[in-house]
Amino acid sequence: MTAAGVRIGLDVGGTKTAGIALDEYGATRATVRIGTEWGADGVIAGVLEAVMALRAELPPLTAVESIGIGIPGLVDAESGRVLHAVNLGVQSLDVADRVALATGAPCFVENDVKAAALGAASLRESREPLAYLNLGTGVAAGLIVEGRIWRGARGTAGEIGHLVVDPAGRVCGCGQRGCIETLCGGGALARAWGADAEFPVTDMLDAADAGDAAASALREDLFRGVAAAVRALVLAADVETVVIGGGLSALADRIVPGIRARQQEEAASSAFLRSLRLDERIEMLPADSPVAAIGAALLGSAPAETVARHEEITHG
């Protein structure tokens, strides 16, 4: 007898791939964490290794209903192709076709932040509009409206990191000056701080606590950038909640009070901003929460409205 089926979700990161298998009730049946390999063939090999590792943790004959993959880069969710995933050494890769052909399971592919937004929404009972703000090396957001990923006309909905808030600010990697990402992106903060530290943002916060003027200025930039991102997401999409995750979420106890204080300071002179209660709309994910893998597993569900790529396997 075939065991009840599972949906597999993979979060393919620059160094690690996290995987999860969810049953029909959304309960976790298996997890895995492996290193991410470099290049197109390496990415596919790593995905298949993670799928095999998850299957090995499941009861025999457990059916894999679908495989969902969250991956950085520009993703065409309909074709399952990823472009310009520079942190993975990938220029163009038909992920869904290759994984479906190798596994025989329907495969869905989505940008990792959008997948994380879907995962974050699934952990809440409310179906109110939600934004997931990822504070990592870069800054980006995913939007969930009526339980579905909102991609926009050309798939760029949520690219909040490249909204200019300080035209005289630091140059961004996108070519603009003063983007939100230059204020609160981990990579931008590390470059601006310039210290040779294993965890440069933590080092910068430590120095700010010790009274270092340059570090204190960068810390204020961090607070200002996150506050601007939350404000923009609420004003643009009227989301009820902005869930903050990503690598910097591990520093929640050190940054959330400052973010809220900045929001309250900006609202002090604006009745309009006070009416939005922005400081009450942010929530922090626990560090290492597997929301991207969870969201990837849910890509095959009806609310995700994602097209599957399921290649028929023939045997000669």
Protein backbone atom coordinates (compact mmCIF):
# COMPACT_ATOMS: atom_id res chain seq x y z
CA MET A 1 0.00 0.00 0.00
CA THR A 2 1.30 3.47 -0.92
CA ALA A 3 1.85 5.77 2.06
CA ALA A 4 0.13 9.17 2.17
CA GLY A 5 1.80 11.66 -0.11
CA VAL A 6 4.04 14.61 0.75
CA ARG A 7 4.98 17.87 -0.87
CA ILE A 8 8.70 18.59 -0.88
CA GLY A 9 10.02 22.14 -0.59
CA LEU A 10 13.61 23.25 -1.09
CA ASP A 11 15.21 26.59 -0.26
CA VAL A 12 18.33 26.81 -2.43
CA GLY A 13 20.68 29.39 -0.91
CA GLY A 14 24.13 30.57 -1.83
CA THR A 15 25.83 28.14 0.56
CA LYS A 16 23.10 25.87 2.00
CA THR A 17 20.00 24.13 0.71
CA ALA A 18 17.26 23.50 3.25
CA GLY A 19 14.55 20.97 2.50
CA ILE A 20 11.26 19.97 4.07
CA ALA A 21 8.55 17.40 3.39
CA LEU A 22 4.99 18.34 4.38
CA ASP A 23 2.08 15.94 4.57
CA GLU A 24 -1.48 16.67 3.43
CA TYR A 25 -2.19 18.44 6.74
CA GLY A 26 0.89 20.66 6.51
CA ALA A 27 2.79 18.78 9.21
CA THR A 28 6.55 18.35 8.81
CA ARG A 29 7.53 14.75 8.04
CA ALA A 30 11.22 15.22 7.21
CA THR A 31 13.87 17.93 6.99
CA VAL A 32 17.33 18.11 5.49
CA ARG A 33 20.17 20.63 5.17
CA ILE A 34 23.03 20.18 2.72
CA GLY A 35 25.65 22.35 1.04
CA THR A 36 24.71 24.10 -2.21
CA GLU A 37 26.88 23.26 -5.19
CA TRP A 38 28.15 25.83 -7.70
CA GLY A 39 26.97 26.21 -11.28
CA ALA A 40 23.94 24.95 -13.19
CA ASP A 41 24.80 21.27 -13.02
CA GLY A 42 25.82 21.60 -9.38
CA VAL A 43 22.50 23.23 -8.46
CA ILE A 44 20.53 20.42 -10.10
CA ALA A 45 22.74 17.77 -8.46
CA GLY A 46 22.20 19.40 -5.07
CA VAL A 47 18.44 19.58 -5.55
CA LEU A 48 18.28 15.88 -6.44
CA GLU A 49 20.52 15.00 -3.49
CA ALA A 50 18.20 16.88 -1.13
CA VAL A 51 15.14 15.15 -2.58
CA MET A 52 16.78 11.75 -2.12
CA ALA A 53 17.77 12.60 1.44
CA LEU A 54 14.20 13.61 2.30
CA ARG A 55 12.79 10.47 0.70
CA ALA A 56 15.17 8.39 2.79
CA GLU A 57 13.61 9.85 5.95
CA LEU A 58 10.06 9.00 4.87
CA PRO A 59 8.21 5.69 5.17
CA PRO A 60 8.68 3.35 2.18
CA LEU A 61 6.36 3.96 -0.79
CA THR A 62 5.55 7.52 0.30
CA ALA A 63 4.37 9.35 -2.82
CA VAL A 64 5.96 12.70 -3.67
CA GLU A 65 3.03 14.81 -4.86
CA SER A 66 5.17 17.75 -5.93
CA ILE A 67 8.57 19.37 -5.56
CA GLY A 68 8.77 23.11 -5.01
CA ILE A 69 12.01 25.08 -5.23
CA GLY A 70 12.72 28.57 -3.93
CA ILE A 71 15.84 29.96 -5.54
CA PRO A 72 17.50 33.38 -5.80
CA GLY A 73 17.55 35.19 -9.10
CA LEU A 74 14.98 36.19 -11.70
CA VAL A 75 12.47 33.36 -11.91
CA ASP A 76 9.91 32.73 -14.63
CA ALA A 77 7.42 30.81 -12.50
CA GLU A 78 5.42 29.64 -15.53
CA SER A 79 8.36 28.01 -17.30
CA GLY A 80 10.31 27.12 -14.17
CA ARG A 81 13.44 28.83 -15.49
CA VAL A 82 15.83 30.86 -13.34
CA LEU A 83 18.03 33.63 -14.76
CA HIS A 84 20.97 35.55 -13.32
CA ALA A 85 21.32 33.67 -10.03
CA VAL A 86 24.82 35.09 -9.67
CA ASN A 87 25.38 33.76 -6.14
CA LEU A 88 24.89 30.25 -7.53
CA GLY A 89 26.94 30.70 -10.70
CA VAL A 90 23.82 30.34 -12.86
CA GLN A 91 23.00 32.48 -15.88
CA SER A 92 20.07 30.46 -17.23
CA LEU A 93 18.72 27.15 -15.99
CA ASP A 94 15.50 25.24 -16.73
CA VAL A 95 15.20 24.01 -13.17
CA ALA A 96 11.63 22.69 -13.29
CA ASP A 97 12.06 20.68 -16.49
CA ARG A 98 15.28 19.04 -15.35
CA VAL A 99 14.05 18.18 -11.86
CA ALA A 100 10.70 16.88 -13.13
CA LEU A 101 12.45 14.71 -15.70
CA ALA A 102 14.81 13.26 -13.10
CA THR A 103 12.21 12.63 -10.38
CA GLY A 104 8.92 12.03 -12.17
CA ALA A 105 7.22 14.53 -9.84
CA PRO A 106 5.57 17.84 -10.80
CA CYS A 107 8.02 20.65 -10.14
CA PHE A 108 7.39 24.30 -9.31
CA VAL A 109 10.00 27.07 -9.08
CA GLU A 110 9.74 30.50 -7.50
CA ASN A 111 12.04 33.27 -6.36
CA ASP A 112 13.22 32.45 -2.83
CA VAL A 113 11.85 35.61 -1.21
CA LYS A 114 8.43 35.16 -2.81
CA ALA A 115 8.43 31.53 -1.64
CA ALA A 116 9.35 32.70 1.87
CA ALA A 117 6.44 35.15 1.79
CA LEU A 118 4.07 32.28 1.02
CA GLY A 119 5.59 30.25 3.83
CA ALA A 120 5.30 33.13 6.29
CA ALA A 121 1.65 33.62 5.36
CA SER A 122 0.94 29.92 5.86
CA LEU A 123 2.08 30.14 9.47
CA ARG A 124 -0.63 32.70 10.24
CA GLU A 125 -4.34 32.07 10.65
CA SER A 126 -5.25 35.41 9.08
CA ARG A 127 -5.64 35.80 5.31
CA GLU A 128 -5.13 39.57 5.46
CA PRO A 129 -2.63 40.98 2.93
CA LEU A 130 0.92 40.39 4.11
CA ALA A 131 4.41 41.42 3.09
CA TYR A 132 7.53 39.45 3.88
CA LEU A 133 10.59 41.71 4.11
CA ASN A 134 13.86 39.83 3.71
CA LEU A 135 16.85 41.51 5.36
CA GLY A 136 19.88 39.59 4.22
CA THR A 137 22.86 40.46 2.08
CA GLY A 138 20.32 42.40 0.02
CA VAL A 139 16.79 43.63 0.69
CA ALA A 140 13.66 42.41 -1.05
CA ALA A 141 10.04 41.65 -0.23
CA GLY A 142 7.31 39.25 -1.24
CA LEU A 143 3.62 40.13 -1.24
CA ILE A 144 0.75 37.79 -0.41
CA VAL A 145 -2.76 38.89 -1.36
CA GLU A 146 -5.75 36.60 -0.71
CA GLY A 147 -3.36 33.77 0.05
CA ARG A 148 -1.54 34.07 -3.29
CA ILE A 149 1.84 35.41 -4.34
CA TRP A 150 1.46 38.81 -5.97
CA ARG A 151 4.15 39.07 -8.65
CA GLY A 152 2.99 42.19 -10.49
CA ALA A 153 2.91 42.77 -14.23
CA ARG A 154 6.52 41.69 -14.86
CA GLY A 155 7.42 39.77 -11.73
CA THR A 156 9.19 42.61 -9.92
CA ALA A 157 6.59 43.30 -7.22
CA GLY A 158 8.38 43.56 -3.90
CA GLU A 159 11.78 44.77 -5.14
CA ILE A 160 11.66 47.27 -2.33
CA GLY A 161 15.42 47.33 -1.87
CA HIS A 162 15.89 49.48 -4.96
CA LEU A 163 13.49 52.23 -4.01
CA VAL A 164 15.53 55.44 -3.66
CA VAL A 165 15.05 57.22 -0.33
CA ASP A 166 18.26 59.28 -0.22
CA PRO A 167 19.37 60.68 -3.61
CA ALA A 168 22.62 61.87 -2.01
CA GLY A 169 23.32 58.51 -0.37
CA ARG A 170 25.70 55.66 -1.13
CA VAL A 171 25.83 54.12 -4.61
CA CYS A 172 23.85 50.88 -4.87
CA GLY A 173 24.85 47.82 -6.86
CA CYS A 174 21.87 48.49 -9.13
CA GLY A 175 23.49 51.77 -10.25
CA GLN A 176 21.19 54.12 -8.37
CA ARG A 177 22.18 56.17 -5.34
CA GLY A 178 20.56 55.98 -1.92
CA CYS A 179 18.43 52.84 -2.35
CA ILE A 180 16.87 51.28 0.74
CA GLU A 181 19.31 48.39 0.28
CA THR A 182 22.27 50.74 0.79
CA LEU A 183 20.89 51.60 4.24
CA CYS A 184 19.85 48.24 5.65
CA GLY A 185 21.23 45.50 3.40
CA GLY A 186 23.77 43.34 5.20
CA GLY A 187 26.23 43.53 2.31
CA ALA A 188 26.02 47.32 2.04
CA LEU A 189 26.42 47.74 5.79
CA ALA A 190 29.43 45.43 5.82
CA ARG A 191 31.10 47.40 3.02
CA ALA A 192 30.36 50.73 4.70
CA TRP A 193 31.65 49.50 8.06
CA GLY A 194 34.78 48.07 6.46
CA ALA A 195 36.01 46.16 9.52
CA ASP A 196 37.61 42.75 9.08
CA ALA A 197 35.08 40.82 11.16
CA GLU A 198 33.42 37.45 10.73
CA PHE A 199 30.01 39.04 11.41
CA PRO A 200 30.40 42.67 10.31
CA VAL A 201 26.88 43.84 11.14
CA THR A 202 27.14 42.40 14.66
CA ASP A 203 30.57 44.00 14.97
CA MET A 204 29.10 47.32 13.84
CA LEU A 205 26.28 47.08 16.40
CA ASP A 206 28.79 46.24 19.15
CA ALA A 207 30.86 49.28 18.21
CA ALA A 208 27.74 51.47 18.20
CA ASP A 209 26.85 50.24 21.67
CA ALA A 210 30.38 51.22 22.73
CA GLY A 211 29.88 54.76 21.44
CA ASP A 212 31.68 54.62 18.08
CA ALA A 213 30.32 57.52 16.00
CA ALA A 214 30.68 55.88 12.59
CA ALA A 215 29.03 52.70 13.81
CA SER A 216 26.23 54.68 15.44
CA ALA A 217 25.55 56.45 12.15
CA LEU A 218 25.37 53.13 10.29
CA ARG A 219 23.04 51.74 12.94
CA GLU A 220 20.76 54.71 12.42
CA ASP A 221 20.90 54.03 8.67
CA LEU A 222 19.78 50.47 9.36
CA PHE A 223 16.81 51.66 11.40
CA ARG A 224 15.94 54.31 8.83
CA GLY A 225 16.15 51.88 5.92
CA VAL A 226 13.91 49.24 7.51
CA ALA A 227 11.41 51.89 8.59
CA ALA A 228 11.34 53.22 5.02
CA ALA A 229 10.82 49.72 3.61
CA VAL A 230 7.92 49.02 5.96
CA ARG A 231 6.35 52.40 5.21
CA ALA A 232 6.62 51.84 1.44
CA LEU A 233 5.12 48.35 1.63
CA VAL A 234 2.17 49.55 3.70
CA LEU A 235 1.53 52.59 1.53
CA ALA A 236 1.91 50.71 -1.77
CA ALA A 237 0.02 47.52 -0.95
CA ASP A 238 -1.85 48.33 2.30
CA VAL A 239 -0.63 45.11 3.91
CA GLU A 240 -1.78 44.60 7.48
CA THR A 241 1.49 42.99 8.56
CA VAL A 242 5.12 43.15 7.46
CA VAL A 243 6.93 40.01 8.58
CA ILE A 244 10.69 40.53 8.73
CA GLY A 245 13.06 37.64 8.15
CA GLY A 246 16.42 36.91 6.59
CA GLY A 247 19.88 36.80 8.10
CA LEU A 248 19.50 40.02 10.09
CA SER A 249 16.44 38.61 11.89
CA ALA A 250 18.93 36.83 14.16
CA LEU A 251 19.65 40.31 15.57
CA ALA A 252 15.98 41.06 16.27
CA ASP A 253 16.44 41.98 19.92
CA ARG A 254 19.09 44.52 18.92
CA ILE A 255 17.36 46.14 15.96
CA VAL A 256 13.58 45.97 16.45
CA PRO A 257 13.45 48.55 19.28
CA GLY A 258 15.44 50.97 17.13
CA ILE A 259 13.24 50.37 14.10
CA ARG A 260 10.08 51.01 16.11
CA ALA A 261 11.62 54.10 17.71
CA ARG A 262 12.47 55.45 14.25
CA GLN A 263 8.91 54.82 13.06
CA GLN A 264 7.48 56.61 16.09
CA GLU A 265 9.88 59.52 15.61
CA GLU A 266 8.82 59.94 11.98
CA ALA A 267 5.14 59.72 12.95
CA ALA A 268 5.48 62.37 15.66
CA SER A 269 5.13 65.20 13.14
CA SER A 270 2.58 63.49 10.87
CA ALA A 271 -0.97 62.66 11.89
CA PHE A 272 -1.22 60.63 8.68
CA LEU A 273 1.72 58.38 9.61
CA ARG A 274 0.42 58.07 13.16
CA SER A 275 -2.89 56.82 11.78
CA LEU A 276 -1.06 53.98 10.00
CA ARG A 277 0.44 52.63 13.24
CA LEU A 278 3.44 51.33 11.33
CA ASP A 279 5.32 50.32 14.46
CA GLU A 280 2.50 47.90 15.30
CA ARG A 281 2.53 46.24 11.88
CA ILE A 282 5.95 44.62 12.00
CA GLU A 283 6.67 41.10 13.20
CA MET A 284 10.00 39.29 13.32
CA LEU A 285 10.42 35.68 12.29
CA PRO A 286 12.44 33.47 14.63
CA ALA A 287 16.01 33.06 13.41
CA ASP A 288 16.46 30.13 11.00
CA SER A 289 12.71 29.75 10.47
CA PRO A 290 12.34 27.53 7.34
CA VAL A 291 9.66 29.70 5.72
CA ALA A 292 11.25 29.60 2.25
CA ALA A 293 11.28 25.80 2.22
CA ILE A 294 7.72 25.69 3.60
CA GLY A 295 6.56 28.16 0.97
CA ALA A 296 8.31 26.18 -1.76
CA ALA A 297 6.48 23.04 -0.65
CA LEU A 298 3.19 24.93 -0.94
CA LEU A 299 3.86 26.09 -4.51
CA GLY A 300 1.98 23.08 -5.80
CA SER A 301 -1.16 23.96 -3.87
CA ALA A 302 -4.07 25.79 -5.44
CA PRO A 303 -3.54 29.11 -3.57
CA ALA A 304 -0.05 29.47 -5.02
CA GLU A 305 -1.48 29.57 -8.57
CA THR A 306 1.78 28.28 -10.01
CA VAL A 307 2.08 26.18 -13.16
CA ALA A 308 3.71 22.78 -12.77
CA ARG A 309 6.35 21.40 -15.08
CA HIS A 310 5.86 17.63 -15.23
CA GLU A 311 7.85 15.85 -17.90
CA GLU A 312 6.65 12.43 -18.97
CA ILE A 313 9.42 9.87 -18.45
CA THR A 314 9.74 7.19 -21.13
CA HIS A 315 11.80 4.05 -20.87
CA GLY A 316 13.39 2.65 -24.01
